[in-house]
Amino acid sequence: MTRQPLIAKRAEDLLGASVIATAPVAGGDISTATRMRLNDGTTALMKTHHHAPDGFFDAEARGLTWLAEATAEGGVAVPEVLAHDHECLILRWVEPGKTTVDAASGFGRALARTHRAGAHAFGAEQDGFIGRLPLPNRTAPTWAEFYATRRVLPYLKLARDRGAATAEDAAAVEGVLGRIAALVPDEPPARLHGDLWNGNVLWGLDGACRVVDPAAYGGHREVDLAMLALFGLPHLQRVTDAYEEEHPLADGWRDRVGLHQLFPLLVHACLFGGGYAARAAGVARKLG
């Protein structure tokens, strides 16, 4: 590790500790990541985004802190937030390890406990971000209303505006939204990570999984599980089996996975174009 003076100085101002060495960390398409060693022996990860939207790192730190409240009750662990400002976030470093069935089982049980910690409403007190996109979180009285108006329709409109979704794609997705209340059993709002794809699950050297980069809010717990399935988490079956042992899901939840994947598919259509909107439309037609 060498020492990048500008990065080190910013971290020192926030942490009140000396940075001995820094090294770039690969991965991520939004922020620049840097590993740092501090003079007190701490190893940290600093994420920087010099043109971050207002509230970008505030939202991430807020989400991590909210999820961490459940960790004391056996919920899924998150890296400790050491400091943040409007252009950066500093977390305690998590040493990566191997994907194992034992870690997967532990993750499933811990995620169930985080969900069971609950939320005050469907939504959150403040809006956030999903990737680079704004995430509306204004609360709604039911999951059906929240999911349709805060999670699906905003990104369906944006995908149409960006030319990533056709009129036929939009009609197919819109056609299923009125049936959400009939399709999804009522449950109280769960404490969600909100962007729980494979890349946001860290398999630690200590044998435990942690989650990062949340888009946290109160919602239906099937959303997190649907997103885990979308891009293929290692040992996913072991995760879901352990989850159900800890906090059983309503009958037929696997049949609703596609419904709760509409949101991340449309987000990907907005960010990356390609066939994501067509894929969402195909899922909606099967549900129809």
Protein backbone atom coordinates (compact mmCIF):
# COMPACT_ATOMS: atom_id res chain seq x y z
CA MET A 1 0.00 0.00 0.00
CA THR A 2 1.18 3.53 -0.81
CA ARG A 3 -0.36 6.78 0.40
CA GLN A 4 -2.58 9.02 -1.72
CA PRO A 5 -2.23 12.43 -0.04
CA LEU A 6 -5.58 13.95 -1.05
CA ILE A 7 -7.61 10.87 -0.11
CA ALA A 8 -5.64 10.48 3.12
CA LYS A 9 -6.10 14.13 4.12
CA ARG A 10 -9.86 14.00 3.62
CA ALA A 11 -10.13 10.83 5.68
CA GLU A 12 -7.93 12.27 8.43
CA ASP A 13 -10.12 15.37 8.66
CA LEU A 14 -13.22 13.21 9.11
CA LEU A 15 -11.76 10.56 11.38
CA GLY A 16 -9.33 12.56 13.48
CA ALA A 17 -6.74 9.81 12.94
CA SER A 18 -3.67 9.51 10.75
CA VAL A 19 -3.80 7.48 7.54
CA ILE A 20 -0.61 5.47 7.10
CA ALA A 21 -1.31 3.89 3.71
CA THR A 22 -3.95 3.69 0.99
CA ALA A 23 -4.66 1.37 -1.93
CA PRO A 24 -7.35 1.41 -4.65
CA VAL A 25 -10.08 -1.23 -4.51
CA ALA A 26 -11.55 -2.61 -7.73
CA GLY A 27 -15.27 -2.81 -8.35
CA GLY A 28 -18.21 -0.44 -8.28
CA ASP A 29 -19.42 1.79 -11.09
CA ILE A 30 -20.59 4.78 -9.06
CA SER A 31 -18.01 5.55 -6.38
CA THR A 32 -14.24 5.25 -6.17
CA ALA A 33 -13.18 2.85 -3.43
CA THR A 34 -9.96 3.08 -1.41
CA ARG A 35 -8.64 0.82 1.33
CA MET A 36 -6.88 2.65 4.14
CA ARG A 37 -4.74 1.66 7.12
CA LEU A 38 -4.91 4.01 10.09
CA ASN A 39 -2.32 4.63 12.75
CA ASP A 40 -4.45 2.94 15.40
CA GLY A 41 -4.43 -0.34 13.43
CA THR A 42 -7.89 0.10 11.92
CA THR A 43 -8.40 -0.85 8.29
CA ALA A 44 -11.15 1.09 6.55
CA LEU A 45 -12.83 1.47 3.18
CA MET A 46 -13.45 4.96 1.84
CA LYS A 47 -15.97 5.50 -0.96
CA THR A 48 -15.79 8.83 -2.79
CA HIS A 49 -18.02 10.43 -5.40
CA HIS A 50 -16.98 13.99 -6.17
CA HIS A 51 -20.24 14.90 -7.89
CA ALA A 52 -22.59 12.95 -5.67
CA PRO A 53 -26.23 14.10 -5.66
CA ASP A 54 -27.35 15.90 -2.54
CA GLY A 55 -27.92 13.42 0.26
CA PHE A 56 -26.33 10.48 -1.57
CA PHE A 57 -23.95 9.35 1.18
CA ASP A 58 -26.28 10.54 3.92
CA ALA A 59 -28.86 8.06 2.63
CA GLU A 60 -26.35 5.20 2.54
CA ALA A 61 -25.09 5.92 6.05
CA ARG A 62 -28.65 6.26 7.32
CA GLY A 63 -29.62 2.93 5.78
CA LEU A 64 -26.62 1.11 7.24
CA THR A 65 -27.30 2.56 10.67
CA TRP A 66 -30.96 1.53 10.52
CA LEU A 67 -30.09 -2.02 9.46
CA ALA A 68 -27.43 -2.19 12.18
CA GLU A 69 -30.11 -1.62 14.83
CA ALA A 70 -31.31 -5.18 14.13
CA THR A 71 -27.83 -6.71 14.36
CA ALA A 72 -27.95 -6.72 18.15
CA GLU A 73 -31.00 -8.98 17.88
CA GLY A 74 -29.21 -11.40 15.58
CA GLY A 75 -29.98 -9.55 12.35
CA VAL A 76 -27.65 -9.44 9.39
CA ALA A 77 -24.42 -7.55 10.01
CA VAL A 78 -23.31 -4.41 8.18
CA PRO A 79 -19.92 -2.69 8.12
CA GLU A 80 -19.57 -0.03 10.80
CA VAL A 81 -19.96 3.54 9.56
CA LEU A 82 -16.88 5.43 10.74
CA ALA A 83 -17.58 8.80 9.10
CA HIS A 84 -19.21 10.42 6.10
CA ASP A 85 -19.84 13.74 4.42
CA HIS A 86 -21.54 14.87 1.21
CA GLU A 87 -18.88 13.33 -1.05
CA CYS A 88 -17.60 10.29 0.81
CA LEU A 89 -18.35 7.48 3.22
CA ILE A 90 -15.83 5.63 5.41
CA LEU A 91 -16.61 2.10 6.63
CA ARG A 92 -14.72 -0.41 8.72
CA TRP A 93 -13.03 -2.85 6.31
CA VAL A 94 -14.48 -6.36 5.91
CA GLU A 95 -11.88 -8.93 4.94
CA PRO A 96 -13.39 -11.05 2.15
CA GLY A 97 -13.63 -14.82 2.46
CA LYS A 98 -15.14 -17.81 0.70
CA THR A 99 -18.77 -18.59 -0.03
CA THR A 100 -19.77 -21.51 2.18
CA VAL A 101 -23.00 -23.32 3.00
CA ASP A 102 -22.58 -22.52 6.69
CA ALA A 103 -22.24 -18.80 5.96
CA ALA A 104 -25.27 -19.00 3.67
CA SER A 105 -27.38 -20.61 6.38
CA GLY A 106 -26.28 -18.00 8.88
CA PHE A 107 -27.10 -15.25 6.41
CA GLY A 108 -30.60 -16.63 5.82
CA ARG A 109 -31.37 -16.71 9.53
CA ALA A 110 -29.89 -13.25 10.10
CA LEU A 111 -31.80 -11.72 7.19
CA ALA A 112 -35.04 -13.14 8.57
CA ARG A 113 -34.34 -11.45 11.92
CA THR A 114 -33.60 -8.13 10.23
CA HIS A 115 -36.88 -8.32 8.35
CA ARG A 116 -38.71 -9.22 11.55
CA ALA A 117 -37.30 -6.10 13.25
CA GLY A 118 -39.87 -4.27 11.16
CA ALA A 119 -40.51 -0.68 10.14
CA HIS A 120 -43.05 1.97 11.09
CA ALA A 121 -44.65 2.09 7.65
CA PHE A 122 -44.32 1.10 4.02
CA GLY A 123 -41.67 3.58 2.93
CA ALA A 124 -39.28 5.79 4.86
CA GLU A 125 -39.07 9.28 6.31
CA GLN A 126 -36.69 10.44 3.58
CA ASP A 127 -36.14 9.62 -0.06
CA GLY A 128 -33.00 7.73 -1.02
CA PHE A 129 -31.16 6.31 -4.01
CA ILE A 130 -31.08 3.05 -5.92
CA GLY A 131 -27.76 2.98 -7.72
CA ARG A 132 -27.46 6.44 -9.29
CA LEU A 133 -31.23 6.99 -9.43
CA PRO A 134 -33.43 8.79 -6.91
CA LEU A 135 -35.63 6.45 -4.83
CA PRO A 136 -39.02 7.85 -3.73
CA ASN A 137 -39.90 6.66 -0.22
CA ARG A 138 -43.02 8.64 0.73
CA THR A 139 -45.11 6.29 2.83
CA ALA A 140 -48.32 4.61 1.70
CA PRO A 141 -51.00 2.80 3.72
CA THR A 142 -50.64 -0.52 1.88
CA TRP A 143 -47.88 -2.48 0.22
CA ALA A 144 -49.89 -2.69 -3.01
CA GLU A 145 -50.09 1.09 -3.27
CA PHE A 146 -46.48 1.65 -2.25
CA TYR A 147 -45.05 -0.93 -4.62
CA ALA A 148 -47.07 0.31 -7.58
CA THR A 149 -46.60 4.05 -7.09
CA ARG A 150 -43.12 4.30 -5.51
CA ARG A 151 -41.29 1.29 -6.93
CA VAL A 152 -42.69 0.30 -10.32
CA LEU A 153 -44.36 3.27 -12.01
CA PRO A 154 -41.55 5.85 -11.51
CA TYR A 155 -39.00 3.59 -13.20
CA LEU A 156 -41.41 2.42 -15.86
CA LYS A 157 -41.98 6.07 -16.82
CA LEU A 158 -38.24 6.81 -16.78
CA ALA A 159 -37.52 3.74 -18.91
CA ARG A 160 -40.12 4.94 -21.43
CA ASP A 161 -38.64 8.46 -21.41
CA ARG A 162 -35.16 7.04 -22.06
CA GLY A 163 -36.34 4.77 -24.84
CA ALA A 164 -35.53 1.64 -22.86
CA ALA A 165 -39.15 0.39 -22.73
CA THR A 166 -41.75 0.18 -25.47
CA ALA A 167 -45.42 1.08 -25.16
CA GLU A 168 -46.19 -2.64 -25.25
CA ASP A 169 -43.72 -3.29 -22.39
CA ALA A 170 -45.34 -0.52 -20.34
CA ALA A 171 -48.87 -1.80 -20.98
CA ALA A 172 -47.92 -5.29 -19.84
CA VAL A 173 -46.39 -4.05 -16.58
CA GLU A 174 -49.22 -1.61 -15.87
CA GLY A 175 -51.72 -4.41 -16.42
CA VAL A 176 -50.54 -6.36 -13.38
CA LEU A 177 -50.29 -3.46 -10.90
CA GLY A 178 -53.97 -3.42 -10.07
CA ARG A 179 -53.75 -7.04 -8.95
CA ILE A 180 -50.95 -6.64 -6.40
CA ALA A 181 -53.33 -6.58 -3.43
CA ALA A 182 -54.90 -9.85 -4.59
CA LEU A 183 -51.57 -11.52 -5.34
CA VAL A 184 -49.55 -10.58 -2.23
CA PRO A 185 -50.71 -11.57 1.28
CA ASP A 186 -50.92 -8.78 3.84
CA GLU A 187 -47.94 -8.51 6.17
CA PRO A 188 -46.64 -5.70 8.37
CA PRO A 189 -43.74 -3.72 6.88
CA ALA A 190 -40.37 -5.44 7.17
CA ARG A 191 -36.98 -3.80 7.58
CA LEU A 192 -35.57 -4.13 4.05
CA HIS A 193 -32.09 -3.74 2.62
CA GLY A 194 -33.82 -2.69 -0.58
CA ASP A 195 -31.05 -3.42 -3.12
CA LEU A 196 -30.10 -6.93 -2.08
CA TRP A 197 -28.46 -8.38 -5.14
CA ASN A 198 -25.47 -10.72 -5.07
CA GLY A 199 -22.91 -7.90 -5.32
CA ASN A 200 -24.16 -6.31 -2.11
CA VAL A 201 -23.60 -9.44 0.01
CA LEU A 202 -20.05 -9.66 1.42
CA TRP A 203 -18.82 -13.12 2.45
CA GLY A 204 -16.36 -12.39 5.24
CA LEU A 205 -13.18 -14.22 6.15
CA ASP A 206 -14.71 -14.71 9.62
CA GLY A 207 -17.42 -16.94 8.11
CA ALA A 208 -20.23 -14.38 8.34
CA CYS A 209 -22.04 -12.45 5.62
CA ARG A 210 -22.55 -8.71 5.70
CA VAL A 211 -24.64 -6.47 3.48
CA VAL A 212 -23.59 -3.17 1.94
CA ASP A 213 -24.96 -0.38 -0.29
CA PRO A 214 -28.52 -0.45 1.04
CA ALA A 215 -31.52 1.37 -0.34
CA ALA A 216 -33.31 0.72 2.95
CA TYR A 217 -37.01 1.25 3.65
CA GLY A 218 -40.03 -0.48 5.14
CA GLY A 219 -41.58 -2.90 2.67
CA HIS A 220 -42.63 -6.47 1.93
CA ARG A 221 -39.90 -8.93 2.83
CA GLU A 222 -40.37 -10.93 -0.36
CA VAL A 223 -38.70 -8.05 -2.24
CA ASP A 224 -35.26 -8.72 -0.73
CA LEU A 225 -35.57 -12.44 -1.45
CA ALA A 226 -36.71 -11.81 -5.01
CA MET A 227 -33.71 -9.59 -5.65
CA LEU A 228 -31.32 -12.20 -4.24
CA ALA A 229 -32.72 -14.65 -6.79
CA LEU A 230 -32.55 -12.25 -9.73
CA PHE A 231 -28.79 -12.40 -10.35
CA GLY A 232 -27.93 -15.61 -8.54
CA LEU A 233 -26.56 -15.62 -4.99
CA PRO A 234 -24.27 -18.58 -4.19
CA HIS A 235 -26.02 -21.23 -2.07
CA LEU A 236 -29.33 -19.41 -2.46
CA GLN A 237 -31.37 -22.50 -1.62
CA ARG A 238 -29.51 -22.84 1.66
CA VAL A 239 -30.20 -19.16 2.39
CA THR A 240 -33.94 -19.48 1.77
CA ASP A 241 -34.23 -22.76 3.67
CA ALA A 242 -32.61 -21.21 6.73
CA TYR A 243 -34.72 -18.08 6.32
CA GLU A 244 -37.93 -20.11 6.34
CA GLU A 245 -36.85 -22.06 9.41
CA GLU A 246 -36.40 -18.76 11.23
CA HIS A 247 -39.33 -16.78 9.81
CA PRO A 248 -41.65 -18.81 7.53
CA LEU A 249 -42.94 -17.12 4.39
CA ALA A 250 -46.55 -17.07 3.24
CA ASP A 251 -47.70 -19.88 0.99
CA GLY A 252 -46.92 -19.39 -2.68
CA TRP A 253 -44.12 -16.89 -2.18
CA ARG A 254 -42.04 -18.45 -4.94
CA ASP A 255 -44.87 -17.73 -7.38
CA ARG A 256 -44.59 -14.03 -6.47
CA VAL A 257 -40.84 -13.74 -7.04
CA GLY A 258 -41.40 -12.39 -10.55
CA LEU A 259 -43.81 -9.74 -9.31
CA HIS A 260 -41.23 -8.42 -6.87
CA GLN A 261 -38.51 -8.53 -9.53
CA LEU A 262 -40.36 -5.98 -11.67
CA PHE A 263 -38.85 -3.15 -9.65
CA PRO A 264 -35.14 -4.10 -10.00
CA LEU A 265 -35.64 -5.08 -13.64
CA LEU A 266 -37.05 -1.64 -14.43
CA VAL A 267 -34.27 0.06 -12.48
CA HIS A 268 -31.79 -1.85 -14.63
CA ALA A 269 -33.69 -0.82 -17.75
CA CYS A 270 -33.30 2.83 -16.72
CA LEU A 271 -29.59 2.44 -15.97
CA PHE A 272 -28.44 0.01 -18.63
CA GLY A 273 -31.18 -0.26 -21.28
CA GLY A 274 -30.88 -3.52 -23.12
CA GLY A 275 -33.57 -6.12 -22.65
CA TYR A 276 -34.45 -5.47 -19.02
CA ALA A 277 -37.79 -3.76 -19.76
CA ALA A 278 -38.76 -6.53 -22.16
CA ARG A 279 -37.87 -9.04 -19.45
CA ALA A 280 -40.07 -7.19 -16.96
CA ALA A 281 -42.91 -7.18 -19.48
CA GLY A 282 -42.50 -10.93 -19.99
CA VAL A 283 -42.73 -11.50 -16.24
CA ALA A 284 -45.85 -9.31 -16.04
CA ARG A 285 -47.57 -11.23 -18.83
CA LYS A 286 -46.99 -14.50 -17.00
CA LEU A 287 -48.53 -13.00 -13.87
CA GLY A 288 -51.48 -11.64 -15.82
